[in-house]
Amino acid sequence: MFGRIDHRADGDAAGDTFYVGRIGLRDEHREPLLIDWRAAAARPFYTATAGSPGTLVRRRHLHLRDREVARLDDEVFDLEGMSEDDRSTIVGEAALLATLRRGRTGRMGDVVATIQEEQDQVIRDGLQGVLVVQGGPGTGKTVAALHRAAYLLYTHRDVLERRGVLIVGPNATFLRYIEQVLPGLGETDVALATVGELYPGVRATETESPRSRW
């Protein structure tokens, strides 16, 4: 669990509240406790903006340390639409800034808690055809592509389980850097390979000279 969205009340009925996480969970009565980040009900968590909040009055980011909540960050879209009790619980700073301040590690991690609207459009684009994502170094192309693979497996699982999903990287070092992203999102039925491993039965091992790399 990493997020919560509060919808505006509809007349006398209280607004819906959904908790968003890396997987979906239901109680013994099949009622949703946690919404998978890829489900349609979770999409407002990523698409709501101050100028276009939809029906959301608040988006809350939950930062966990192990299994305990360490910090909360609220983004309020409609203060008047919140109850007095909810107004008294507003806390935190921008979640994206908090994430940027975190130290980097030797492995790429998932970004489901901080996906931006433009990334969400790429991730949720349709299955058919070829989608090309362009951008400079460090703009999030790889992480968006990996989350897109997780989204497509969730949305079109019957089709992709028959076809299979292959992630192609330039070298083994790159694959080691990204290899934990999809398992962290609950997707393990994905093959990873370098360009030199694509032809069955052949493994290219020639090392490029420093001159040719530049």
N, C-alpha and C. Protein backbone atom coordinates (compact mmCIF):
# COMPACT_ATOMS: atom_id res chain seq x y z
N MET A 1 0.84 -1.19 0.00
CA MET A 1 0.00 0.00 0.00
C MET A 1 0.88 1.24 0.00
N PHE A 2 0.57 2.18 -0.90
CA PHE A 2 1.37 3.40 -0.96
C PHE A 2 0.52 4.64 -1.19
N GLY A 3 -0.79 4.49 -1.42
CA GLY A 3 -1.59 5.66 -1.71
C GLY A 3 -3.04 5.52 -1.32
N ARG A 4 -3.71 6.66 -1.28
CA ARG A 4 -5.13 6.71 -0.97
C ARG A 4 -5.75 7.86 -1.76
N ILE A 5 -6.95 7.64 -2.30
CA ILE A 5 -7.67 8.70 -2.99
C ILE A 5 -9.04 8.86 -2.37
N ASP A 6 -9.42 10.11 -2.12
CA ASP A 6 -10.72 10.44 -1.55
C ASP A 6 -11.54 11.17 -2.59
N HIS A 7 -12.71 10.61 -2.91
CA HIS A 7 -13.60 11.24 -3.88
C HIS A 7 -14.59 12.17 -3.19
N ARG A 8 -15.07 13.13 -3.95
CA ARG A 8 -16.04 14.10 -3.45
C ARG A 8 -17.36 13.41 -3.11
N ALA A 9 -18.01 13.87 -2.03
CA ALA A 9 -19.30 13.33 -1.64
C ALA A 9 -20.33 13.60 -2.73
N ASP A 10 -21.29 12.69 -2.88
CA ASP A 10 -22.35 12.82 -3.87
C ASP A 10 -23.67 13.01 -3.13
N GLY A 11 -24.09 14.28 -2.99
CA GLY A 11 -25.30 14.55 -2.22
C GLY A 11 -25.10 14.23 -0.76
N ASP A 12 -25.97 13.41 -0.21
CA ASP A 12 -25.86 13.01 1.20
C ASP A 12 -24.94 11.81 1.38
N ALA A 13 -24.55 11.18 0.27
CA ALA A 13 -23.70 10.00 0.36
C ALA A 13 -22.23 10.41 0.48
N ALA A 14 -21.51 9.76 1.37
CA ALA A 14 -20.09 10.05 1.56
C ALA A 14 -19.31 9.65 0.31
N GLY A 15 -18.25 10.38 0.04
CA GLY A 15 -17.41 10.06 -1.11
C GLY A 15 -16.63 8.78 -0.89
N ASP A 16 -16.35 8.08 -1.99
CA ASP A 16 -15.59 6.83 -1.90
C ASP A 16 -14.13 7.11 -1.56
N THR A 17 -13.54 6.21 -0.80
CA THR A 17 -12.12 6.23 -0.48
C THR A 17 -11.51 4.91 -0.91
N PHE A 18 -10.44 4.98 -1.68
CA PHE A 18 -9.74 3.78 -2.13
C PHE A 18 -8.28 3.84 -1.73
N TYR A 19 -7.75 2.71 -1.28
CA TYR A 19 -6.33 2.57 -1.02
C TYR A 19 -5.69 1.87 -2.20
N VAL A 20 -4.53 2.37 -2.62
CA VAL A 20 -3.87 1.88 -3.84
C VAL A 20 -2.56 1.20 -3.46
N GLY A 21 -2.28 0.05 -4.09
CA GLY A 21 -1.05 -0.68 -3.80
C GLY A 21 -0.51 -1.40 -5.02
N ARG A 22 0.54 -2.17 -4.83
CA ARG A 22 1.17 -2.89 -5.94
C ARG A 22 0.35 -4.08 -6.38
N ILE A 23 -0.51 -4.60 -5.52
CA ILE A 23 -1.42 -5.69 -5.86
C ILE A 23 -2.78 -5.37 -5.27
N GLY A 24 -3.81 -6.08 -5.72
CA GLY A 24 -5.15 -5.89 -5.18
C GLY A 24 -5.46 -6.93 -4.11
N LEU A 25 -6.22 -6.54 -3.11
CA LEU A 25 -6.63 -7.44 -2.03
C LEU A 25 -8.12 -7.27 -1.76
N ARG A 26 -8.80 -8.37 -1.42
CA ARG A 26 -10.21 -8.34 -1.06
C ARG A 26 -10.43 -9.03 0.28
N ASP A 27 -11.50 -8.65 0.99
CA ASP A 27 -11.79 -9.29 2.26
C ASP A 27 -12.60 -10.56 2.03
N GLU A 28 -13.08 -11.19 3.11
CA GLU A 28 -13.79 -12.46 2.99
C GLU A 28 -15.13 -12.31 2.26
N HIS A 29 -15.62 -11.09 2.15
CA HIS A 29 -16.87 -10.83 1.44
C HIS A 29 -16.63 -10.34 0.02
N ARG A 30 -15.41 -10.44 -0.45
CA ARG A 30 -15.00 -10.03 -1.79
C ARG A 30 -15.05 -8.52 -1.99
N GLU A 31 -15.09 -7.76 -0.90
CA GLU A 31 -15.04 -6.31 -0.99
C GLU A 31 -13.58 -5.87 -1.10
N PRO A 32 -13.28 -4.89 -1.95
CA PRO A 32 -11.88 -4.48 -2.14
C PRO A 32 -11.29 -3.77 -0.91
N LEU A 33 -10.17 -4.24 -0.45
CA LEU A 33 -9.42 -3.57 0.61
C LEU A 33 -8.30 -2.72 0.02
N LEU A 34 -7.71 -3.21 -1.06
CA LEU A 34 -6.58 -2.55 -1.69
C LEU A 34 -6.74 -2.67 -3.20
N ILE A 35 -6.65 -1.53 -3.91
CA ILE A 35 -6.82 -1.51 -5.35
C ILE A 35 -5.46 -1.65 -6.04
N ASP A 36 -5.35 -2.59 -6.97
CA ASP A 36 -4.13 -2.72 -7.76
C ASP A 36 -3.89 -1.43 -8.53
N TRP A 37 -2.65 -0.94 -8.56
CA TRP A 37 -2.33 0.33 -9.21
C TRP A 37 -2.70 0.35 -10.69
N ARG A 38 -2.85 -0.83 -11.28
CA ARG A 38 -3.16 -0.91 -12.71
C ARG A 38 -4.66 -0.90 -12.99
N ALA A 39 -5.49 -1.04 -11.96
CA ALA A 39 -6.94 -1.08 -12.14
C ALA A 39 -7.46 0.31 -12.50
N ALA A 40 -8.60 0.35 -13.21
CA ALA A 40 -9.19 1.62 -13.63
C ALA A 40 -9.53 2.50 -12.44
N ALA A 41 -9.96 1.89 -11.33
CA ALA A 41 -10.34 2.67 -10.15
C ALA A 41 -9.16 3.41 -9.54
N ALA A 42 -7.93 2.95 -9.81
CA ALA A 42 -6.73 3.59 -9.25
C ALA A 42 -6.20 4.69 -10.15
N ARG A 43 -6.69 4.79 -11.37
CA ARG A 43 -6.08 5.75 -12.31
C ARG A 43 -6.14 7.21 -11.85
N PRO A 44 -7.21 7.67 -11.18
CA PRO A 44 -7.21 9.06 -10.70
C PRO A 44 -6.03 9.40 -9.79
N PHE A 45 -5.45 8.40 -9.15
CA PHE A 45 -4.28 8.63 -8.30
C PHE A 45 -3.14 9.23 -9.12
N TYR A 46 -3.08 8.86 -10.41
CA TYR A 46 -2.00 9.31 -11.27
C TYR A 46 -2.38 10.48 -12.18
N THR A 47 -3.66 10.61 -12.50
CA THR A 47 -4.05 11.59 -13.50
C THR A 47 -4.59 12.90 -12.91
N ALA A 48 -5.00 12.90 -11.66
CA ALA A 48 -5.57 14.11 -11.07
C ALA A 48 -4.51 15.20 -10.95
N THR A 49 -4.87 16.42 -11.34
CA THR A 49 -4.00 17.58 -11.20
C THR A 49 -4.79 18.70 -10.55
N ALA A 50 -4.10 19.74 -10.12
CA ALA A 50 -4.79 20.87 -9.51
C ALA A 50 -5.78 21.50 -10.49
N GLY A 51 -5.44 21.54 -11.76
CA GLY A 51 -6.32 22.12 -12.76
C GLY A 51 -7.42 21.19 -13.22
N SER A 52 -7.21 19.88 -13.06
CA SER A 52 -8.19 18.89 -13.50
C SER A 52 -8.23 17.72 -12.51
N PRO A 53 -8.83 17.93 -11.34
CA PRO A 53 -8.84 16.89 -10.31
C PRO A 53 -9.91 15.83 -10.49
N GLY A 54 -10.84 16.04 -11.41
CA GLY A 54 -11.95 15.11 -11.53
C GLY A 54 -12.81 15.16 -10.28
N THR A 55 -13.12 14.01 -9.72
CA THR A 55 -13.95 13.95 -8.51
C THR A 55 -13.12 13.84 -7.23
N LEU A 56 -11.79 13.92 -7.35
CA LEU A 56 -10.96 13.78 -6.15
C LEU A 56 -10.93 15.06 -5.33
N VAL A 57 -10.98 14.90 -4.02
CA VAL A 57 -10.76 16.03 -3.12
C VAL A 57 -9.38 15.96 -2.49
N ARG A 58 -8.82 14.74 -2.42
CA ARG A 58 -7.48 14.60 -1.84
C ARG A 58 -6.79 13.35 -2.39
N ARG A 59 -5.49 13.48 -2.58
CA ARG A 59 -4.63 12.34 -2.90
C ARG A 59 -3.60 12.24 -1.78
N ARG A 60 -3.49 11.09 -1.18
CA ARG A 60 -2.57 10.90 -0.06
C ARG A 60 -1.52 9.86 -0.42
N HIS A 61 -0.25 10.20 -0.19
CA HIS A 61 0.86 9.27 -0.38
C HIS A 61 1.28 8.73 0.98
N LEU A 62 1.38 7.42 1.08
CA LEU A 62 1.78 6.77 2.32
C LEU A 62 3.19 6.22 2.16
N HIS A 63 4.09 6.62 3.03
CA HIS A 63 5.47 6.15 2.99
C HIS A 63 5.65 5.16 4.13
N LEU A 64 5.98 3.91 3.75
CA LEU A 64 6.10 2.85 4.74
C LEU A 64 7.56 2.49 4.98
N ARG A 65 7.86 2.14 6.22
CA ARG A 65 9.15 1.58 6.58
C ARG A 65 8.87 0.20 7.14
N ASP A 66 9.26 -0.81 6.37
CA ASP A 66 8.84 -2.19 6.65
C ASP A 66 7.32 -2.23 6.58
N ARG A 67 6.63 -2.52 7.70
CA ARG A 67 5.17 -2.61 7.68
C ARG A 67 4.51 -1.49 8.48
N GLU A 68 5.27 -0.44 8.75
CA GLU A 68 4.73 0.68 9.50
C GLU A 68 4.72 1.94 8.65
N VAL A 69 3.70 2.78 8.84
CA VAL A 69 3.61 4.05 8.12
C VAL A 69 4.59 5.03 8.76
N ALA A 70 5.54 5.51 7.95
CA ALA A 70 6.56 6.43 8.45
C ALA A 70 6.19 7.88 8.23
N ARG A 71 5.44 8.16 7.14
CA ARG A 71 5.09 9.55 6.85
C ARG A 71 3.91 9.59 5.88
N LEU A 72 3.14 10.66 5.95
CA LEU A 72 2.03 10.88 5.03
C LEU A 72 2.26 12.19 4.28
N ASP A 73 1.89 12.21 3.00
CA ASP A 73 1.95 13.43 2.19
C ASP A 73 0.61 13.61 1.50
N ASP A 74 -0.03 14.75 1.73
CA ASP A 74 -1.34 15.03 1.15
C ASP A 74 -1.26 16.06 0.05
N GLU A 75 -2.05 15.84 -1.00
CA GLU A 75 -2.30 16.85 -2.03
C GLU A 75 -3.80 17.10 -2.04
N VAL A 76 -4.21 18.30 -1.66
CA VAL A 76 -5.62 18.64 -1.53
C VAL A 76 -6.08 19.37 -2.79
N PHE A 77 -7.16 18.86 -3.41
CA PHE A 77 -7.70 19.46 -4.62
C PHE A 77 -8.95 20.29 -4.34
N ASP A 78 -9.70 19.94 -3.31
CA ASP A 78 -10.95 20.63 -3.01
C ASP A 78 -11.14 20.68 -1.50
N LEU A 79 -10.62 21.75 -0.88
CA LEU A 79 -10.70 21.87 0.57
C LEU A 79 -12.15 21.94 1.04
N GLU A 80 -12.99 22.64 0.28
CA GLU A 80 -14.39 22.78 0.67
C GLU A 80 -15.14 21.45 0.60
N GLY A 81 -14.64 20.55 -0.24
CA GLY A 81 -15.30 19.26 -0.38
C GLY A 81 -14.93 18.26 0.70
N MET A 82 -14.02 18.64 1.60
CA MET A 82 -13.58 17.74 2.67
C MET A 82 -14.36 18.03 3.95
N SER A 83 -14.54 17.00 4.74
CA SER A 83 -15.20 17.17 6.03
C SER A 83 -14.25 17.87 7.00
N GLU A 84 -14.81 18.37 8.10
CA GLU A 84 -13.98 19.04 9.10
C GLU A 84 -12.93 18.09 9.65
N ASP A 85 -13.31 16.84 9.87
CA ASP A 85 -12.36 15.85 10.40
C ASP A 85 -11.21 15.63 9.42
N ASP A 86 -11.55 15.54 8.12
CA ASP A 86 -10.51 15.32 7.11
C ASP A 86 -9.58 16.53 7.00
N ARG A 87 -10.14 17.72 7.11
CA ARG A 87 -9.31 18.92 7.02
C ARG A 87 -8.28 18.98 8.14
N SER A 88 -8.65 18.46 9.28
CA SER A 88 -7.73 18.51 10.43
C SER A 88 -6.60 17.51 10.31
N THR A 89 -6.66 16.60 9.32
CA THR A 89 -5.62 15.56 9.19
C THR A 89 -4.69 15.80 8.01
N ILE A 90 -4.80 16.96 7.34
CA ILE A 90 -3.94 17.25 6.19
C ILE A 90 -2.49 17.38 6.65
N VAL A 91 -1.60 16.65 5.98
CA VAL A 91 -0.19 16.64 6.39
C VAL A 91 0.71 16.53 5.16
N GLY A 92 2.02 16.76 5.38
CA GLY A 92 3.05 16.34 4.44
C GLY A 92 3.49 17.35 3.42
N GLU A 93 4.46 16.90 2.59
CA GLU A 93 5.03 17.68 1.50
C GLU A 93 4.81 16.91 0.22
N ALA A 94 5.18 17.49 -0.89
CA ALA A 94 4.99 16.83 -2.18
C ALA A 94 5.73 15.49 -2.20
N ALA A 95 5.00 14.43 -2.54
CA ALA A 95 5.59 13.09 -2.50
C ALA A 95 6.70 12.92 -3.50
N LEU A 96 6.57 13.54 -4.67
CA LEU A 96 7.60 13.38 -5.69
C LEU A 96 8.92 13.98 -5.23
N LEU A 97 8.89 15.14 -4.56
CA LEU A 97 10.11 15.74 -4.05
C LEU A 97 10.76 14.84 -3.01
N ALA A 98 9.95 14.23 -2.16
CA ALA A 98 10.50 13.33 -1.15
C ALA A 98 11.20 12.14 -1.79
N THR A 99 10.62 11.64 -2.88
CA THR A 99 11.23 10.51 -3.58
C THR A 99 12.55 10.91 -4.24
N LEU A 100 12.60 12.12 -4.80
CA LEU A 100 13.82 12.58 -5.46
C LEU A 100 14.97 12.74 -4.48
N ARG A 101 14.65 13.00 -3.21
CA ARG A 101 15.70 13.18 -2.22
C ARG A 101 16.31 11.87 -1.73
N ARG A 102 15.65 10.75 -2.05
CA ARG A 102 16.16 9.46 -1.62
C ARG A 102 17.46 9.13 -2.33
N GLY A 103 18.36 8.44 -1.64
CA GLY A 103 19.61 8.03 -2.26
C GLY A 103 19.39 6.94 -3.29
N ARG A 104 20.23 6.90 -4.32
CA ARG A 104 20.13 5.88 -5.35
C ARG A 104 20.85 4.61 -4.92
N THR A 105 20.38 3.48 -5.44
CA THR A 105 21.00 2.20 -5.14
C THR A 105 21.50 1.60 -6.45
N GLY A 106 22.06 0.41 -6.37
CA GLY A 106 22.56 -0.25 -7.57
C GLY A 106 21.51 -0.99 -8.35
N ARG A 107 20.24 -0.85 -7.99
CA ARG A 107 19.15 -1.52 -8.69
C ARG A 107 18.04 -0.52 -8.97
N MET A 108 17.42 -0.63 -10.13
CA MET A 108 16.26 0.19 -10.43
C MET A 108 15.08 -0.34 -9.64
N GLY A 109 14.28 0.56 -9.06
CA GLY A 109 13.08 0.15 -8.33
C GLY A 109 11.83 0.61 -9.06
N ASP A 110 10.68 0.12 -8.60
CA ASP A 110 9.43 0.55 -9.23
C ASP A 110 9.10 1.98 -8.81
N VAL A 111 8.25 2.63 -9.60
CA VAL A 111 7.88 4.03 -9.32
C VAL A 111 6.36 4.17 -9.23
N VAL A 112 5.68 3.09 -8.84
CA VAL A 112 4.22 3.12 -8.85
C VAL A 112 3.64 4.19 -7.94
N ALA A 113 4.39 4.62 -6.93
CA ALA A 113 3.88 5.64 -6.02
C ALA A 113 3.99 7.04 -6.59
N THR A 114 4.82 7.23 -7.61
CA THR A 114 5.09 8.59 -8.11
C THR A 114 4.97 8.71 -9.62
N ILE A 115 4.21 7.82 -10.25
CA ILE A 115 3.99 7.92 -11.70
C ILE A 115 3.31 9.25 -12.00
N GLN A 116 3.83 9.95 -13.01
CA GLN A 116 3.25 11.21 -13.43
C GLN A 116 2.26 11.00 -14.57
N GLU A 117 1.43 12.01 -14.83
CA GLU A 117 0.34 11.86 -15.80
C GLU A 117 0.87 11.45 -17.17
N GLU A 118 1.96 12.05 -17.63
CA GLU A 118 2.50 11.73 -18.95
C GLU A 118 3.00 10.28 -18.99
N GLN A 119 3.64 9.84 -17.91
CA GLN A 119 4.08 8.45 -17.84
C GLN A 119 2.88 7.51 -17.85
N ASP A 120 1.81 7.88 -17.14
CA ASP A 120 0.62 7.05 -17.07
C ASP A 120 0.01 6.85 -18.45
N GLN A 121 0.04 7.89 -19.29
CA GLN A 121 -0.48 7.77 -20.65
C GLN A 121 0.31 6.75 -21.46
N VAL A 122 1.63 6.75 -21.28
CA VAL A 122 2.47 5.77 -21.97
C VAL A 122 2.19 4.36 -21.45
N ILE A 123 2.14 4.22 -20.14
CA ILE A 123 1.98 2.91 -19.52
C ILE A 123 0.66 2.26 -19.92
N ARG A 124 -0.42 3.04 -20.00
CA ARG A 124 -1.76 2.49 -20.26
C ARG A 124 -2.18 2.54 -21.72
N ASP A 125 -1.29 2.86 -22.62
CA ASP A 125 -1.64 2.87 -24.04
C ASP A 125 -2.04 1.46 -24.48
N GLY A 126 -2.79 1.37 -25.57
CA GLY A 126 -3.31 0.09 -26.02
C GLY A 126 -2.24 -0.92 -26.38
N LEU A 127 -2.66 -2.18 -26.50
CA LEU A 127 -1.73 -3.28 -26.78
C LEU A 127 -1.31 -3.33 -28.24
N GLN A 128 -2.21 -2.99 -29.16
CA GLN A 128 -1.93 -3.17 -30.58
C GLN A 128 -0.92 -2.15 -31.09
N GLY A 129 -0.10 -2.58 -32.04
CA GLY A 129 0.84 -1.68 -32.70
C GLY A 129 2.12 -1.51 -31.92
N VAL A 130 2.97 -0.62 -32.44
CA VAL A 130 4.28 -0.34 -31.85
C VAL A 130 4.22 1.02 -31.18
N LEU A 131 4.69 1.09 -29.95
CA LEU A 131 4.74 2.35 -29.21
C LEU A 131 6.21 2.73 -29.02
N VAL A 132 6.60 3.88 -29.51
CA VAL A 132 7.96 4.37 -29.39
C VAL A 132 7.98 5.52 -28.39
N VAL A 133 8.84 5.41 -27.38
CA VAL A 133 8.97 6.45 -26.36
C VAL A 133 10.36 7.06 -26.50
N GLN A 134 10.42 8.35 -26.74
CA GLN A 134 11.69 9.03 -26.93
C GLN A 134 11.94 10.02 -25.81
N GLY A 135 13.21 10.24 -25.52
CA GLY A 135 13.57 11.20 -24.49
C GLY A 135 15.06 11.15 -24.21
N GLY A 136 15.55 12.16 -23.56
CA GLY A 136 16.97 12.21 -23.23
C GLY A 136 17.31 11.27 -22.09
N PRO A 137 18.61 11.15 -21.77
CA PRO A 137 19.03 10.30 -20.66
C PRO A 137 18.40 10.74 -19.34
N GLY A 138 17.97 9.75 -18.56
CA GLY A 138 17.43 10.05 -17.24
C GLY A 138 16.01 10.56 -17.22
N THR A 139 15.28 10.44 -18.34
CA THR A 139 13.91 10.95 -18.39
C THR A 139 12.86 9.89 -18.05
N GLY A 140 13.29 8.68 -17.71
CA GLY A 140 12.34 7.67 -17.25
C GLY A 140 11.79 6.76 -18.32
N LYS A 141 12.48 6.67 -19.47
CA LYS A 141 11.98 5.82 -20.55
C LYS A 141 11.95 4.35 -20.14
N THR A 142 13.02 3.86 -19.56
CA THR A 142 13.12 2.45 -19.21
C THR A 142 12.11 2.07 -18.13
N VAL A 143 12.02 2.87 -17.09
CA VAL A 143 11.11 2.53 -16.00
C VAL A 143 9.66 2.59 -16.47
N ALA A 144 9.34 3.54 -17.38
CA ALA A 144 7.99 3.59 -17.93
C ALA A 144 7.69 2.34 -18.75
N ALA A 145 8.68 1.89 -19.53
CA ALA A 145 8.50 0.69 -20.35
C ALA A 145 8.28 -0.54 -19.49
N LEU A 146 9.00 -0.66 -18.40
CA LEU A 146 8.84 -1.80 -17.51
C LEU A 146 7.46 -1.79 -16.84
N HIS A 147 7.01 -0.62 -16.42
CA HIS A 147 5.68 -0.53 -15.82
C HIS A 147 4.59 -0.77 -16.87
N ARG A 148 4.88 -0.39 -18.11
CA ARG A 148 3.93 -0.70 -19.19
C ARG A 148 3.81 -2.22 -19.36
N ALA A 149 4.92 -2.93 -19.30
CA ALA A 149 4.86 -4.39 -19.40
C ALA A 149 4.01 -4.98 -18.28
N ALA A 150 4.17 -4.46 -17.07
CA ALA A 150 3.36 -4.94 -15.94
C ALA A 150 1.89 -4.62 -16.15
N TYR A 151 1.59 -3.44 -16.68
CA TYR A 151 0.20 -3.06 -16.93
C TYR A 151 -0.43 -3.95 -18.01
N LEU A 152 0.30 -4.18 -19.09
CA LEU A 152 -0.23 -5.01 -20.17
C LEU A 152 -0.46 -6.44 -19.71
N LEU A 153 0.42 -6.96 -18.88
CA LEU A 153 0.22 -8.31 -18.34
C LEU A 153 -1.03 -8.37 -17.46
N TYR A 154 -1.31 -7.31 -16.75
CA TYR A 154 -2.50 -7.24 -15.90
C TYR A 154 -3.77 -7.13 -16.75
N THR A 155 -3.72 -6.30 -17.79
CA THR A 155 -4.91 -6.00 -18.58
C THR A 155 -5.18 -7.05 -19.67
N HIS A 156 -4.13 -7.62 -20.23
CA HIS A 156 -4.27 -8.57 -21.35
C HIS A 156 -3.57 -9.90 -21.00
N ARG A 157 -3.78 -10.37 -19.80
CA ARG A 157 -3.04 -11.54 -19.34
C ARG A 157 -3.30 -12.77 -20.20
N ASP A 158 -4.54 -13.01 -20.59
CA ASP A 158 -4.85 -14.21 -21.38
C ASP A 158 -4.06 -14.23 -22.69
N VAL A 159 -3.96 -13.07 -23.34
CA VAL A 159 -3.24 -13.00 -24.61
C VAL A 159 -1.74 -13.12 -24.41
N LEU A 160 -1.20 -12.37 -23.46
CA LEU A 160 0.26 -12.32 -23.29
C LEU A 160 0.82 -13.57 -22.64
N GLU A 161 0.02 -14.29 -21.86
CA GLU A 161 0.53 -15.55 -21.32
C GLU A 161 0.76 -16.56 -22.42
N ARG A 162 -0.01 -16.48 -23.50
CA ARG A 162 0.20 -17.39 -24.65
C ARG A 162 1.37 -16.93 -25.50
N ARG A 163 1.49 -15.62 -25.68
CA ARG A 163 2.55 -15.09 -26.55
C ARG A 163 3.89 -14.97 -25.84
N GLY A 164 3.86 -14.59 -24.57
CA GLY A 164 5.08 -14.34 -23.82
C GLY A 164 5.52 -12.89 -23.93
N VAL A 165 6.31 -12.45 -22.98
CA VAL A 165 6.83 -11.09 -22.95
C VAL A 165 8.35 -11.16 -22.82
N LEU A 166 9.05 -10.47 -23.70
CA LEU A 166 10.51 -10.47 -23.70
C LEU A 166 11.01 -9.03 -23.53
N ILE A 167 11.89 -8.83 -22.55
CA ILE A 167 12.55 -7.55 -22.34
C ILE A 167 13.97 -7.68 -22.89
N VAL A 168 14.33 -6.83 -23.87
CA VAL A 168 15.65 -6.89 -24.49
C VAL A 168 16.48 -5.70 -24.01
N GLY A 169 17.65 -6.01 -23.49
CA GLY A 169 18.56 -4.97 -23.01
C GLY A 169 19.87 -4.98 -23.78
N PRO A 170 20.65 -3.92 -23.69
CA PRO A 170 21.90 -3.83 -24.45
C PRO A 170 22.99 -4.74 -23.92
N ASN A 171 22.98 -5.02 -22.62
CA ASN A 171 24.03 -5.86 -22.05
C ASN A 171 23.56 -6.44 -20.71
N ALA A 172 24.36 -7.37 -20.18
CA ALA A 172 23.98 -8.07 -18.95
C ALA A 172 23.96 -7.12 -17.75
N THR A 173 24.83 -6.14 -17.74
CA THR A 173 24.85 -5.17 -16.63
C THR A 173 23.53 -4.42 -16.54
N PHE A 174 23.01 -4.02 -17.68
CA PHE A 174 21.72 -3.31 -17.73
C PHE A 174 20.61 -4.22 -17.21
N LEU A 175 20.59 -5.48 -17.61
CA LEU A 175 19.54 -6.40 -17.17
C LEU A 175 19.60 -6.64 -15.67
N ARG A 176 20.81 -6.70 -15.11
CA ARG A 176 20.93 -6.86 -13.65
C ARG A 176 20.38 -5.63 -12.93
N TYR A 177 20.53 -4.46 -13.55
CA TYR A 177 20.05 -3.22 -12.94
C TYR A 177 18.53 -3.17 -12.88
N ILE A 178 17.84 -3.73 -13.89
CA ILE A 178 16.39 -3.62 -13.96
C ILE A 178 15.65 -4.89 -13.52
N GLU A 179 16.36 -5.97 -13.23
CA GLU A 179 15.72 -7.27 -13.10
C GLU A 179 14.74 -7.39 -11.95
N GLN A 180 14.79 -6.51 -10.95
CA GLN A 180 13.91 -6.62 -9.80
C GLN A 180 12.62 -5.79 -9.93
N VAL A 181 12.50 -4.99 -10.98
CA VAL A 181 11.33 -4.11 -11.09
C VAL A 181 10.05 -4.92 -11.28
N LEU A 182 10.00 -5.78 -12.27
CA LEU A 182 8.78 -6.54 -12.53
C LEU A 182 8.44 -7.53 -11.42
N PRO A 183 9.40 -8.30 -10.87
CA PRO A 183 9.06 -9.15 -9.72
C PRO A 183 8.51 -8.34 -8.55
N GLY A 184 9.03 -7.12 -8.36
CA GLY A 184 8.52 -6.27 -7.29
C GLY A 184 7.07 -5.86 -7.49
N LEU A 185 6.60 -5.91 -8.75
CA LEU A 185 5.22 -5.60 -9.07
C LEU A 185 4.37 -6.86 -9.22
N GLY A 186 4.94 -8.00 -8.84
CA GLY A 186 4.19 -9.25 -8.88
C GLY A 186 4.20 -9.96 -10.21
N GLU A 187 5.06 -9.54 -11.14
CA GLU A 187 5.10 -10.16 -12.47
C GLU A 187 6.44 -10.88 -12.65
N THR A 188 6.39 -12.19 -12.72
CA THR A 188 7.62 -12.98 -12.84
C THR A 188 7.70 -13.76 -14.15
N ASP A 189 6.61 -13.81 -14.93
CA ASP A 189 6.61 -14.58 -16.18
C ASP A 189 7.07 -13.73 -17.36
N VAL A 190 8.25 -13.13 -17.21
CA VAL A 190 8.82 -12.29 -18.25
C VAL A 190 10.26 -12.73 -18.48
N ALA A 191 10.65 -12.88 -19.74
CA ALA A 191 12.02 -13.26 -20.06
C ALA A 191 12.85 -12.02 -20.34
N LEU A 192 14.10 -12.02 -19.87
CA LEU A 192 15.04 -10.93 -20.12
C LEU A 192 16.22 -11.48 -20.92
N ALA A 193 16.66 -10.74 -21.91
CA ALA A 193 17.79 -11.19 -22.72
C ALA A 193 18.51 -9.98 -23.30
N THR A 194 19.80 -10.17 -23.57
CA THR A 194 20.56 -9.14 -24.28
C THR A 194 20.40 -9.36 -25.78
N VAL A 195 20.83 -8.38 -26.57
CA VAL A 195 20.74 -8.51 -28.03
C VAL A 195 21.53 -9.73 -28.50
N GLY A 196 22.66 -10.01 -27.84
CA GLY A 196 23.50 -11.13 -28.24
C GLY A 196 22.95 -12.49 -27.89
N GLU A 197 21.80 -12.55 -27.22
CA GLU A 197 21.19 -13.83 -26.83
C GLU A 197 19.89 -14.11 -27.56
N LEU A 198 19.52 -13.28 -28.54
CA LEU A 198 18.21 -13.39 -29.17
C LEU A 198 18.09 -14.58 -30.12
N TYR A 199 19.18 -14.95 -30.80
CA TYR A 199 19.09 -16.07 -31.75
C TYR A 199 19.24 -17.38 -30.99
N PRO A 200 18.26 -18.30 -31.13
CA PRO A 200 18.30 -19.57 -30.37
C PRO A 200 19.58 -20.36 -30.63
N GLY A 201 20.20 -20.78 -29.55
CA GLY A 201 21.39 -21.61 -29.65
C GLY A 201 22.67 -20.86 -29.87
N VAL A 202 22.60 -19.53 -30.01
CA VAL A 202 23.81 -18.73 -30.25
C VAL A 202 23.91 -17.68 -29.16
N ARG A 203 25.10 -17.55 -28.60
CA ARG A 203 25.34 -16.52 -27.58
C ARG A 203 26.55 -15.70 -28.02
N ALA A 204 26.30 -14.47 -28.42
CA ALA A 204 27.39 -13.60 -28.87
C ALA A 204 28.17 -13.09 -27.67
N THR A 205 29.50 -13.26 -27.72
CA THR A 205 30.33 -12.88 -26.56
C THR A 205 31.41 -11.88 -26.93
N GLU A 206 31.45 -11.44 -28.18
CA GLU A 206 32.48 -10.51 -28.60
C GLU A 206 32.36 -9.21 -27.82
N THR A 207 33.47 -8.72 -27.29
CA THR A 207 33.49 -7.48 -26.52
C THR A 207 33.89 -6.32 -27.42
N GLU A 208 33.11 -5.25 -27.39
CA GLU A 208 33.44 -4.08 -28.19
C GLU A 208 34.64 -3.35 -27.58
N SER A 209 35.45 -2.77 -28.45
CA SER A 209 36.57 -1.97 -27.97
C SER A 209 36.05 -0.63 -27.45
N PRO A 210 36.77 0.01 -26.55
CA PRO A 210 36.34 1.33 -26.06
C PRO A 210 36.12 2.33 -27.20
N ARG A 211 36.93 2.20 -28.26
CA ARG A 211 36.80 3.12 -29.39
C ARG A 211 35.45 2.96 -30.09
N SER A 212 35.01 1.71 -30.28
CA SER A 212 33.76 1.46 -31.01
C SER A 212 32.55 1.89 -30.19
N ARG A 213 32.67 1.90 -28.85
CA ARG A 213 31.52 2.30 -28.04
C ARG A 213 31.24 3.80 -28.18
N TRP A 214 32.26 4.53 -28.52
CA TRP A 214 32.07 5.99 -28.65
C TRP A 214 31.90 6.40 -30.10
